[in-house]
Each structure stands twice: as C-alpha cells, then as structure tokens.
Amino acid sequence: WLALRRQWTSVHCKLHLRSCACTSPLIPMAEFGDIMDVDEDFHHAMLAMAAPPEPQPPNPQQVAQWAEETDYSEKYVDEIYEYRRVTVPRTMLPMLPQGRTMEEWEWRKHGITMSRGWQHYDHHHPEANVLLFRRVLGTDPRTGNPPAEMLAKVQQRMCYIAELEQARQRMIQDLERKREQQMADL
C-alpha cells in the first residue's frame, strides 16, 4: 500500500507540475521533459488500485454524537488562506478514509459543520484525530466561491509547492545515487 501511495504521489505531483509548467517562470521548461510524458490513464489506474475500500457510512445517531464532540479551532491566516483545525472524536477515525483528504460532502456526512469553501488539505500526523482545513481568503461563506483576484495567488502558491516537491524528489534521488555509489565502492 505504501509503495503504491508513494508512486501515486509522485505521479500526482508530476501531473500538477505539468499544469504549472506554462505558468511558472521559476522552472525551466527542460525540467519537465519526463513529466510531460506522464500517462493520465496510468494516474487514474493508480488511483483505483491504491484506494483502500471505503468504510460503511455512519448511522445518524453516531453522526449527531460526533457533531457534539467535535472541536473547531479559531481561524488563523497567511497571505492566501485562512486555516482551521478540527479535532474529531477518536471513535470517528475508523470511519474516515485513510491515506487521502476528504471532499466536502465526505466530511459533512461525518458531522463536521463549517460554512462553504473549506477544503480538507492535510492531517496532523502527531494526532490522527486533528484534521486540517483551509479556505482562500475572502471566500463567500454562503457560496464557497473565492474572489477572482485570489485565484492567481492560489495558482502561484500551488506551483511553488510543486517546485519544492520536485526539488525534494531530486535531492532524494541524489542521496540514493550517492548511497549506491558508496556501496559499490566498498
């Protein structure tokens, strides 16, 4: 499972980088040679293979109990997003999808209630029951639509993150080559 997840993450990052290639002046186009060849059918096949089975939906009484026990942090912001931590009861954890973030309809069906536009973007790894959410600054809480002027900033941030991930992957590959060379020299 972990090997498939790592492979999927690599493909997902490459697909995202491909979408940023034309808009990011920070990455030379030559850097995208192998990325441009990623087969999207392979990406979808990896998603289907790597996805663990979904747990059964919770019953309404359980959802009501979880909603009462769920704790929402105060919001905090940076220049693009507002963030919020949501601490859910530990009894909810087996019902949550593993290895991925949830879509809005998924977290809502588990009793998490917030205005529209919030995105579950990560997990707090030291505490599995803390879910991390973000929303573009200025998002209309009734419609969930972000302001048009913020969309370019969001795209720039996503491309920057993709660039960092690409650099991290290169560093990992370089370290692996050095280890292999050291082993060969012994």
N, C-alpha and C. Protein backbone atom coordinates (compact mmCIF):
# COMPACT_ATOMS: atom_id res chain seq x y z
N TRP A 1 0.83 -1.19 0.00
CA TRP A 1 0.00 0.00 0.00
C TRP A 1 0.87 1.25 0.00
N LEU A 2 1.87 1.31 0.87
CA LEU A 2 2.72 2.49 0.94
C LEU A 2 3.48 2.71 -0.36
N ALA A 3 3.97 1.63 -0.98
CA ALA A 3 4.69 1.77 -2.24
C ALA A 3 3.77 2.33 -3.31
N LEU A 4 2.53 1.84 -3.36
CA LEU A 4 1.58 2.36 -4.33
C LEU A 4 1.27 3.83 -4.04
N ARG A 5 1.14 4.17 -2.77
CA ARG A 5 0.84 5.55 -2.39
C ARG A 5 1.98 6.47 -2.81
N ARG A 6 3.24 6.04 -2.56
CA ARG A 6 4.39 6.86 -2.96
C ARG A 6 4.42 7.05 -4.48
N GLN A 7 4.15 5.97 -5.20
CA GLN A 7 4.15 6.05 -6.66
C GLN A 7 3.03 6.98 -7.12
N TRP A 8 1.85 6.86 -6.53
CA TRP A 8 0.75 7.73 -6.90
C TRP A 8 1.09 9.18 -6.60
N THR A 9 1.69 9.44 -5.41
CA THR A 9 2.05 10.80 -5.04
C THR A 9 3.01 11.39 -6.05
N SER A 10 3.97 10.59 -6.48
CA SER A 10 4.93 11.06 -7.47
C SER A 10 4.23 11.41 -8.78
N VAL A 11 3.33 10.55 -9.23
CA VAL A 11 2.60 10.81 -10.48
C VAL A 11 1.71 12.02 -10.31
N HIS A 12 1.01 12.12 -9.16
CA HIS A 12 0.12 13.25 -8.91
C HIS A 12 0.90 14.56 -8.95
N CYS A 13 2.06 14.59 -8.31
CA CYS A 13 2.89 15.78 -8.28
C CYS A 13 3.33 16.12 -9.71
N LYS A 14 3.71 15.11 -10.49
CA LYS A 14 4.14 15.36 -11.86
C LYS A 14 3.00 15.93 -12.70
N LEU A 15 1.79 15.40 -12.50
CA LEU A 15 0.65 15.94 -13.24
C LEU A 15 0.40 17.39 -12.86
N HIS A 16 0.54 17.70 -11.56
CA HIS A 16 0.35 19.08 -11.12
C HIS A 16 1.44 19.97 -11.69
N LEU A 17 2.68 19.48 -11.69
CA LEU A 17 3.77 20.25 -12.25
C LEU A 17 3.53 20.52 -13.72
N ARG A 18 3.00 19.54 -14.43
CA ARG A 18 2.72 19.73 -15.84
C ARG A 18 1.73 20.88 -16.02
N SER A 19 0.74 20.96 -15.14
CA SER A 19 -0.23 22.04 -15.27
C SER A 19 0.38 23.39 -14.93
N CYS A 20 1.45 23.41 -14.15
CA CYS A 20 2.11 24.65 -13.78
C CYS A 20 3.21 25.03 -14.76
N ALA A 21 3.62 24.12 -15.61
CA ALA A 21 4.79 24.35 -16.46
C ALA A 21 4.68 25.61 -17.28
N CYS A 22 3.51 25.89 -17.80
CA CYS A 22 3.35 27.05 -18.66
C CYS A 22 3.24 28.34 -17.86
N THR A 23 2.88 28.26 -16.61
CA THR A 23 2.61 29.46 -15.84
C THR A 23 3.73 29.81 -14.88
N SER A 24 4.68 28.92 -14.68
CA SER A 24 5.72 29.18 -13.69
C SER A 24 7.01 29.61 -14.36
N PRO A 25 7.43 30.86 -14.17
CA PRO A 25 8.68 31.30 -14.75
C PRO A 25 9.89 30.77 -13.98
N LEU A 26 9.66 30.18 -12.82
CA LEU A 26 10.76 29.74 -11.98
C LEU A 26 11.34 28.40 -12.38
N ILE A 27 10.60 27.60 -13.17
CA ILE A 27 11.09 26.29 -13.57
C ILE A 27 11.36 26.31 -15.06
N PRO A 28 12.61 26.03 -15.48
CA PRO A 28 12.87 25.96 -16.91
C PRO A 28 12.09 24.82 -17.54
N MET A 29 11.63 25.02 -18.77
CA MET A 29 10.84 24.00 -19.44
C MET A 29 11.60 22.69 -19.58
N ALA A 30 12.93 22.73 -19.66
CA ALA A 30 13.71 21.50 -19.78
C ALA A 30 13.50 20.58 -18.59
N GLU A 31 13.17 21.15 -17.46
CA GLU A 31 12.95 20.36 -16.25
C GLU A 31 11.73 19.45 -16.38
N PHE A 32 10.86 19.71 -17.36
CA PHE A 32 9.61 19.00 -17.48
C PHE A 32 9.64 17.89 -18.51
N GLY A 33 10.81 17.56 -19.05
CA GLY A 33 10.89 16.55 -20.10
C GLY A 33 10.19 15.26 -19.75
N ASP A 34 10.56 14.63 -18.63
CA ASP A 34 9.95 13.36 -18.26
C ASP A 34 8.54 13.55 -17.71
N ILE A 35 8.26 14.73 -17.19
CA ILE A 35 6.95 14.98 -16.62
C ILE A 35 5.89 15.07 -17.70
N MET A 36 6.24 15.64 -18.84
CA MET A 36 5.27 15.81 -19.91
C MET A 36 4.78 14.47 -20.47
N ASP A 37 5.55 13.40 -20.22
CA ASP A 37 5.20 12.09 -20.76
C ASP A 37 4.33 11.26 -19.83
N VAL A 38 3.95 11.80 -18.69
CA VAL A 38 3.14 11.03 -17.74
C VAL A 38 1.79 10.70 -18.37
N ASP A 39 1.43 9.44 -18.32
CA ASP A 39 0.18 8.96 -18.91
C ASP A 39 -0.94 9.16 -17.90
N GLU A 40 -1.95 9.95 -18.26
CA GLU A 40 -3.04 10.20 -17.33
C GLU A 40 -3.86 8.95 -17.06
N ASP A 41 -3.91 8.01 -18.01
CA ASP A 41 -4.60 6.76 -17.75
C ASP A 41 -3.90 6.00 -16.62
N PHE A 42 -2.57 6.05 -16.61
CA PHE A 42 -1.81 5.43 -15.53
C PHE A 42 -2.17 6.09 -14.20
N HIS A 43 -2.29 7.42 -14.21
CA HIS A 43 -2.66 8.16 -13.00
C HIS A 43 -4.00 7.65 -12.46
N HIS A 44 -4.99 7.51 -13.34
CA HIS A 44 -6.31 7.05 -12.91
C HIS A 44 -6.27 5.59 -12.46
N ALA A 45 -5.45 4.78 -13.13
CA ALA A 45 -5.31 3.38 -12.72
C ALA A 45 -4.68 3.29 -11.34
N MET A 46 -3.69 4.13 -11.08
CA MET A 46 -3.05 4.13 -9.76
C MET A 46 -4.04 4.56 -8.68
N LEU A 47 -4.86 5.54 -8.99
CA LEU A 47 -5.87 5.96 -8.03
C LEU A 47 -6.80 4.81 -7.69
N ALA A 48 -7.24 4.09 -8.70
CA ALA A 48 -8.18 2.97 -8.47
C ALA A 48 -7.51 1.85 -7.70
N MET A 49 -6.25 1.54 -8.02
CA MET A 49 -5.55 0.44 -7.33
C MET A 49 -5.18 0.80 -5.91
N ALA A 50 -4.77 2.05 -5.69
CA ALA A 50 -4.24 2.43 -4.39
C ALA A 50 -5.31 2.80 -3.39
N ALA A 51 -6.52 3.04 -3.85
CA ALA A 51 -7.56 3.48 -2.93
C ALA A 51 -8.03 2.32 -2.06
N PRO A 52 -7.92 2.47 -0.74
CA PRO A 52 -8.44 1.43 0.14
C PRO A 52 -9.97 1.44 0.11
N PRO A 53 -10.58 0.33 0.48
CA PRO A 53 -12.05 0.31 0.46
C PRO A 53 -12.62 1.34 1.42
N GLU A 54 -13.70 1.96 1.01
CA GLU A 54 -14.34 2.97 1.84
C GLU A 54 -15.09 2.30 2.99
N PRO A 55 -15.03 2.87 4.19
CA PRO A 55 -15.79 2.31 5.31
C PRO A 55 -17.28 2.54 5.11
N GLN A 56 -18.08 1.76 5.82
CA GLN A 56 -19.53 1.90 5.76
C GLN A 56 -19.93 3.26 6.34
N PRO A 57 -20.99 3.87 5.81
CA PRO A 57 -21.40 5.17 6.34
C PRO A 57 -21.88 5.05 7.78
N PRO A 58 -21.65 6.07 8.58
CA PRO A 58 -22.10 6.04 9.98
C PRO A 58 -23.62 6.21 10.07
N ASN A 59 -24.16 5.73 11.18
CA ASN A 59 -25.60 5.89 11.37
C ASN A 59 -25.88 7.32 11.89
N PRO A 60 -27.10 7.81 11.72
CA PRO A 60 -27.42 9.19 12.10
C PRO A 60 -27.18 9.51 13.57
N GLN A 61 -27.43 8.55 14.46
CA GLN A 61 -27.19 8.80 15.89
C GLN A 61 -25.70 9.00 16.16
N GLN A 62 -24.87 8.21 15.49
CA GLN A 62 -23.43 8.34 15.67
C GLN A 62 -22.94 9.69 15.14
N VAL A 63 -23.46 10.11 13.99
CA VAL A 63 -23.07 11.40 13.42
C VAL A 63 -23.45 12.53 14.37
N ALA A 64 -24.64 12.47 14.96
CA ALA A 64 -25.08 13.50 15.91
C ALA A 64 -24.16 13.54 17.13
N GLN A 65 -23.76 12.37 17.61
CA GLN A 65 -22.85 12.30 18.76
C GLN A 65 -21.49 12.91 18.40
N TRP A 66 -20.97 12.55 17.23
CA TRP A 66 -19.68 13.10 16.78
C TRP A 66 -19.75 14.62 16.63
N ALA A 67 -20.86 15.12 16.09
CA ALA A 67 -21.01 16.57 15.88
C ALA A 67 -20.92 17.31 17.21
N GLU A 68 -21.50 16.72 18.26
CA GLU A 68 -21.44 17.35 19.59
C GLU A 68 -20.03 17.33 20.16
N GLU A 69 -19.25 16.30 19.84
CA GLU A 69 -17.91 16.13 20.40
C GLU A 69 -16.80 16.78 19.56
N THR A 70 -17.13 17.28 18.39
CA THR A 70 -16.13 17.87 17.50
C THR A 70 -15.79 19.28 17.97
N ASP A 71 -14.48 19.60 17.95
CA ASP A 71 -13.99 20.90 18.41
C ASP A 71 -13.35 21.64 17.23
N TYR A 72 -13.69 22.92 17.08
CA TYR A 72 -13.18 23.75 15.99
C TYR A 72 -12.26 24.82 16.55
N SER A 73 -11.05 24.93 15.99
CA SER A 73 -10.11 25.95 16.46
C SER A 73 -10.53 27.32 15.94
N GLU A 74 -9.90 28.34 16.49
CA GLU A 74 -10.04 29.68 15.92
C GLU A 74 -9.35 29.67 14.56
N LYS A 75 -9.74 30.59 13.71
CA LYS A 75 -9.11 30.69 12.39
C LYS A 75 -7.76 31.40 12.53
N TYR A 76 -6.83 31.03 11.68
CA TYR A 76 -5.57 31.75 11.56
C TYR A 76 -5.26 31.88 10.08
N VAL A 77 -4.48 32.89 9.69
CA VAL A 77 -4.34 33.22 8.28
C VAL A 77 -2.89 33.43 7.87
N ASP A 78 -2.66 33.30 6.55
CA ASP A 78 -1.45 33.79 5.92
C ASP A 78 -1.91 34.71 4.80
N GLU A 79 -1.07 35.00 3.83
CA GLU A 79 -1.45 35.97 2.79
C GLU A 79 -2.44 35.40 1.76
N ILE A 80 -2.68 34.09 1.76
CA ILE A 80 -3.57 33.49 0.76
C ILE A 80 -4.75 32.75 1.39
N TYR A 81 -4.51 32.02 2.46
CA TYR A 81 -5.54 31.16 3.05
C TYR A 81 -5.86 31.55 4.48
N GLU A 82 -7.06 31.17 4.89
CA GLU A 82 -7.38 31.10 6.31
C GLU A 82 -7.43 29.61 6.65
N TYR A 83 -7.01 29.28 7.86
CA TYR A 83 -6.87 27.89 8.26
C TYR A 83 -7.69 27.63 9.51
N ARG A 84 -7.98 26.36 9.72
CA ARG A 84 -8.69 25.93 10.93
C ARG A 84 -8.38 24.47 11.19
N ARG A 85 -8.17 24.14 12.46
CA ARG A 85 -8.01 22.74 12.87
C ARG A 85 -9.35 22.25 13.42
N VAL A 86 -9.69 21.04 13.03
CA VAL A 86 -10.93 20.43 13.54
C VAL A 86 -10.52 19.14 14.25
N THR A 87 -10.81 19.09 15.54
CA THR A 87 -10.50 17.90 16.33
C THR A 87 -11.76 17.06 16.44
N VAL A 88 -11.69 15.86 15.87
CA VAL A 88 -12.85 14.96 15.87
C VAL A 88 -12.66 13.89 16.94
N PRO A 89 -13.74 13.25 17.38
CA PRO A 89 -13.61 12.17 18.37
C PRO A 89 -12.80 11.01 17.78
N ARG A 90 -11.99 10.39 18.59
CA ARG A 90 -11.17 9.27 18.12
C ARG A 90 -12.03 8.10 17.62
N THR A 91 -13.24 8.00 18.12
CA THR A 91 -14.13 6.93 17.65
C THR A 91 -14.53 7.12 16.18
N MET A 92 -14.34 8.32 15.65
CA MET A 92 -14.66 8.59 14.26
C MET A 92 -13.56 8.10 13.31
N LEU A 93 -12.34 7.97 13.79
CA LEU A 93 -11.19 7.67 12.93
C LEU A 93 -11.36 6.44 12.04
N PRO A 94 -11.88 5.31 12.53
CA PRO A 94 -12.04 4.16 11.63
C PRO A 94 -13.01 4.42 10.48
N MET A 95 -13.88 5.39 10.62
CA MET A 95 -14.86 5.69 9.59
C MET A 95 -14.33 6.65 8.52
N LEU A 96 -13.20 7.32 8.80
CA LEU A 96 -12.65 8.28 7.85
C LEU A 96 -11.79 7.57 6.82
N PRO A 97 -11.78 8.08 5.58
CA PRO A 97 -10.92 7.48 4.56
C PRO A 97 -9.45 7.62 4.97
N GLN A 98 -8.67 6.61 4.69
CA GLN A 98 -7.27 6.61 5.07
C GLN A 98 -6.39 6.94 3.87
N GLY A 99 -5.32 7.67 4.11
CA GLY A 99 -4.34 7.93 3.07
C GLY A 99 -4.71 9.03 2.10
N ARG A 100 -5.76 9.78 2.37
CA ARG A 100 -6.15 10.88 1.48
C ARG A 100 -6.99 11.87 2.27
N THR A 101 -7.18 13.03 1.68
CA THR A 101 -8.05 14.02 2.30
C THR A 101 -9.48 13.80 1.82
N MET A 102 -10.42 14.43 2.50
CA MET A 102 -11.84 14.23 2.18
C MET A 102 -12.38 15.38 1.35
N GLU A 103 -13.33 15.05 0.52
CA GLU A 103 -14.10 16.06 -0.20
C GLU A 103 -15.11 16.65 0.78
N GLU A 104 -15.68 17.79 0.44
CA GLU A 104 -16.61 18.46 1.35
C GLU A 104 -17.79 17.57 1.73
N TRP A 105 -18.39 16.88 0.79
CA TRP A 105 -19.54 16.03 1.10
C TRP A 105 -19.16 14.92 2.07
N GLU A 106 -17.90 14.48 2.03
CA GLU A 106 -17.47 13.40 2.93
C GLU A 106 -17.35 13.91 4.36
N TRP A 107 -16.69 15.05 4.58
CA TRP A 107 -16.55 15.50 5.95
C TRP A 107 -17.88 15.98 6.52
N ARG A 108 -18.74 16.48 5.66
CA ARG A 108 -20.07 16.89 6.15
C ARG A 108 -20.90 15.67 6.58
N LYS A 109 -20.78 14.56 5.88
CA LYS A 109 -21.57 13.37 6.25
C LYS A 109 -21.10 12.77 7.58
N HIS A 110 -19.91 13.19 8.05
CA HIS A 110 -19.41 12.74 9.35
C HIS A 110 -19.69 13.74 10.47
N GLY A 111 -20.53 14.74 10.18
CA GLY A 111 -20.95 15.67 11.22
C GLY A 111 -20.08 16.89 11.38
N ILE A 112 -19.12 17.12 10.50
CA ILE A 112 -18.29 18.32 10.57
C ILE A 112 -19.06 19.43 9.86
N THR A 113 -19.31 20.53 10.59
CA THR A 113 -20.12 21.61 10.03
C THR A 113 -19.32 22.91 10.03
N MET A 114 -19.13 23.44 8.83
CA MET A 114 -18.50 24.75 8.64
C MET A 114 -19.16 25.39 7.44
N SER A 115 -18.96 26.69 7.28
CA SER A 115 -19.51 27.36 6.11
C SER A 115 -18.84 26.82 4.84
N ARG A 116 -19.34 27.19 3.70
CA ARG A 116 -18.86 26.65 2.43
C ARG A 116 -17.46 27.18 2.09
N GLY A 117 -16.77 26.39 1.26
CA GLY A 117 -15.47 26.80 0.75
C GLY A 117 -14.28 26.21 1.48
N TRP A 118 -14.51 25.53 2.60
CA TRP A 118 -13.40 24.93 3.33
C TRP A 118 -12.93 23.66 2.63
N GLN A 119 -11.63 23.47 2.61
CA GLN A 119 -11.01 22.31 1.98
C GLN A 119 -10.20 21.54 3.02
N HIS A 120 -10.45 20.25 3.13
CA HIS A 120 -9.63 19.38 3.98
C HIS A 120 -8.34 19.15 3.20
N TYR A 121 -7.22 19.72 3.68
CA TYR A 121 -6.00 19.66 2.90
C TYR A 121 -4.91 18.79 3.50
N ASP A 122 -5.04 18.40 4.77
CA ASP A 122 -3.99 17.58 5.37
C ASP A 122 -4.46 17.01 6.70
N HIS A 123 -3.63 16.12 7.24
CA HIS A 123 -3.85 15.55 8.57
C HIS A 123 -2.72 16.01 9.47
N HIS A 124 -3.01 16.16 10.73
CA HIS A 124 -1.98 16.50 11.71
C HIS A 124 -1.40 15.17 12.18
N HIS A 125 -0.24 14.80 11.66
CA HIS A 125 0.27 13.45 11.87
C HIS A 125 0.53 13.07 13.33
N PRO A 126 0.97 13.97 14.19
CA PRO A 126 1.11 13.53 15.59
C PRO A 126 -0.21 13.15 16.26
N GLU A 127 -1.30 13.77 15.80
CA GLU A 127 -2.62 13.48 16.37
C GLU A 127 -3.57 13.16 15.21
N ALA A 128 -3.85 11.89 15.03
CA ALA A 128 -4.65 11.45 13.88
C ALA A 128 -6.05 12.03 13.87
N ASN A 129 -6.56 12.45 15.02
CA ASN A 129 -7.93 12.96 15.07
C ASN A 129 -8.01 14.48 14.84
N VAL A 130 -6.90 15.10 14.46
CA VAL A 130 -6.90 16.53 14.14
C VAL A 130 -6.82 16.67 12.62
N LEU A 131 -7.88 17.22 12.04
CA LEU A 131 -7.97 17.42 10.60
C LEU A 131 -7.68 18.88 10.28
N LEU A 132 -6.93 19.12 9.22
CA LEU A 132 -6.54 20.48 8.86
C LEU A 132 -7.34 20.96 7.65
N PHE A 133 -7.93 22.14 7.79
CA PHE A 133 -8.76 22.72 6.75
C PHE A 133 -8.22 24.10 6.37
N ARG A 134 -8.48 24.49 5.13
CA ARG A 134 -8.12 25.83 4.67
C ARG A 134 -9.18 26.33 3.70
N ARG A 135 -9.18 27.66 3.53
CA ARG A 135 -10.10 28.30 2.60
C ARG A 135 -9.42 29.57 2.11
N VAL A 136 -9.57 29.86 0.83
CA VAL A 136 -8.98 31.07 0.25
C VAL A 136 -9.56 32.29 0.97
N LEU A 137 -8.69 33.23 1.31
CA LEU A 137 -9.15 34.46 1.97
C LEU A 137 -10.20 35.16 1.12
N GLY A 138 -11.22 35.65 1.77
CA GLY A 138 -12.27 36.38 1.08
C GLY A 138 -13.33 35.50 0.44
N THR A 139 -13.27 34.18 0.67
CA THR A 139 -14.27 33.27 0.10
C THR A 139 -15.64 33.60 0.65
N ASP A 140 -16.64 33.60 -0.22
CA ASP A 140 -18.02 33.84 0.20
C ASP A 140 -18.49 32.62 0.99
N PRO A 141 -18.81 32.76 2.27
CA PRO A 141 -19.18 31.61 3.10
C PRO A 141 -20.50 30.96 2.69
N ARG A 142 -21.35 31.67 1.94
CA ARG A 142 -22.62 31.09 1.50
C ARG A 142 -22.47 30.26 0.23
N THR A 143 -21.61 30.73 -0.69
CA THR A 143 -21.46 30.03 -1.97
C THR A 143 -20.21 29.16 -2.02
N GLY A 144 -19.20 29.52 -1.21
CA GLY A 144 -17.92 28.81 -1.26
C GLY A 144 -17.03 29.28 -2.40
N ASN A 145 -17.42 30.35 -3.09
CA ASN A 145 -16.63 30.86 -4.21
C ASN A 145 -15.56 31.84 -3.73
N PRO A 146 -14.29 31.59 -4.11
CA PRO A 146 -13.23 32.53 -3.73
C PRO A 146 -13.26 33.76 -4.64
N PRO A 147 -12.70 34.87 -4.18
CA PRO A 147 -12.64 36.05 -5.03
C PRO A 147 -11.70 35.81 -6.22
N ALA A 148 -12.07 36.32 -7.38
CA ALA A 148 -11.30 36.09 -8.61
C ALA A 148 -9.86 36.56 -8.47
N GLU A 149 -9.65 37.67 -7.79
CA GLU A 149 -8.29 38.21 -7.66
C GLU A 149 -7.36 37.30 -6.84
N MET A 150 -7.93 36.41 -6.06
CA MET A 150 -7.11 35.50 -5.24
C MET A 150 -6.73 34.23 -6.01
N LEU A 151 -7.42 33.90 -7.08
CA LEU A 151 -7.16 32.65 -7.79
C LEU A 151 -5.75 32.61 -8.37
N ALA A 152 -5.25 33.73 -8.87
CA ALA A 152 -3.88 33.77 -9.41
C ALA A 152 -2.87 33.52 -8.29
N LYS A 153 -3.13 34.07 -7.12
CA LYS A 153 -2.22 33.85 -5.98
C LYS A 153 -2.23 32.38 -5.55
N VAL A 154 -3.41 31.78 -5.59
CA VAL A 154 -3.52 30.36 -5.24
C VAL A 154 -2.72 29.52 -6.23
N GLN A 155 -2.85 29.81 -7.53
CA GLN A 155 -2.12 29.07 -8.56
C GLN A 155 -0.61 29.24 -8.37
N GLN A 156 -0.16 30.44 -8.07
CA GLN A 156 1.26 30.67 -7.82
C GLN A 156 1.74 29.85 -6.64
N ARG A 157 0.95 29.81 -5.58
CA ARG A 157 1.33 29.04 -4.39
C ARG A 157 1.42 27.55 -4.73
N MET A 158 0.44 27.04 -5.48
CA MET A 158 0.45 25.62 -5.84
C MET A 158 1.67 25.28 -6.70
N CYS A 159 2.02 26.17 -7.63
CA CYS A 159 3.20 25.93 -8.46
C CYS A 159 4.47 25.98 -7.61
N TYR A 160 4.54 26.89 -6.66
CA TYR A 160 5.70 26.96 -5.77
C TYR A 160 5.83 25.68 -4.96
N ILE A 161 4.73 25.18 -4.45
CA ILE A 161 4.75 23.92 -3.70
C ILE A 161 5.21 22.78 -4.59
N ALA A 162 4.72 22.75 -5.83
CA ALA A 162 5.13 21.71 -6.77
C ALA A 162 6.62 21.81 -7.07
N GLU A 163 7.13 23.03 -7.20
CA GLU A 163 8.57 23.22 -7.42
C GLU A 163 9.37 22.68 -6.24
N LEU A 164 8.92 22.98 -5.04
CA LEU A 164 9.60 22.48 -3.85
C LEU A 164 9.59 20.95 -3.81
N GLU A 165 8.46 20.36 -4.17
CA GLU A 165 8.37 18.90 -4.18
C GLU A 165 9.30 18.31 -5.23
N GLN A 166 9.40 18.97 -6.37
CA GLN A 166 10.31 18.49 -7.42
C GLN A 166 11.76 18.56 -6.92
N ALA A 167 12.12 19.64 -6.25
CA ALA A 167 13.48 19.76 -5.70
C ALA A 167 13.72 18.70 -4.63
N ARG A 168 12.72 18.45 -3.80
CA ARG A 168 12.84 17.41 -2.76
C ARG A 168 13.06 16.04 -3.40
N GLN A 169 12.31 15.73 -4.44
CA GLN A 169 12.46 14.45 -5.12
C GLN A 169 13.86 14.31 -5.73
N ARG A 170 14.37 15.41 -6.31
CA ARG A 170 15.74 15.37 -6.87
C ARG A 170 16.76 15.11 -5.77
N MET A 171 16.58 15.76 -4.62
CA MET A 171 17.51 15.55 -3.50
C MET A 171 17.48 14.10 -3.03
N ILE A 172 16.30 13.53 -2.94
CA ILE A 172 16.16 12.13 -2.53
C ILE A 172 16.87 11.22 -3.52
N GLN A 173 16.66 11.48 -4.80
CA GLN A 173 17.31 10.67 -5.84
C GLN A 173 18.83 10.82 -5.78
N ASP A 174 19.31 12.04 -5.56
CA ASP A 174 20.76 12.26 -5.45
C ASP A 174 21.34 11.51 -4.26
N LEU A 175 20.66 11.57 -3.13
CA LEU A 175 21.13 10.84 -1.94
C LEU A 175 21.16 9.34 -2.20
N GLU A 176 20.15 8.83 -2.86
CA GLU A 176 20.09 7.40 -3.17
C GLU A 176 21.25 7.01 -4.09
N ARG A 177 21.53 7.84 -5.11
CA ARG A 177 22.65 7.55 -6.01
C ARG A 177 23.97 7.56 -5.24
N LYS A 178 24.13 8.52 -4.32
CA LYS A 178 25.36 8.58 -3.52
C LYS A 178 25.51 7.33 -2.65
N ARG A 179 24.41 6.89 -2.03
CA ARG A 179 24.46 5.67 -1.20
C ARG A 179 24.83 4.46 -2.06
N GLU A 180 24.22 4.36 -3.23
CA GLU A 180 24.53 3.25 -4.12
C GLU A 180 26.00 3.29 -4.54
N GLN A 181 26.51 4.48 -4.81
CA GLN A 181 27.91 4.62 -5.21
C GLN A 181 28.83 4.23 -4.06
N GLN A 182 28.48 4.64 -2.84
CA GLN A 182 29.29 4.27 -1.67
C GLN A 182 29.29 2.76 -1.47
N MET A 183 28.14 2.13 -1.66
CA MET A 183 28.06 0.67 -1.51
C MET A 183 28.89 -0.01 -2.60
N ALA A 184 28.86 0.53 -3.81
CA ALA A 184 29.62 -0.06 -4.91
C ALA A 184 31.13 0.11 -4.68
N ASP A 185 31.52 1.21 -4.04
CA ASP A 185 32.94 1.47 -3.78
C ASP A 185 33.50 0.57 -2.68
N LEU A 186 32.64 0.00 -1.86
CA LEU A 186 33.10 -0.87 -0.77
C LEU A 186 33.48 -2.17 -1.35
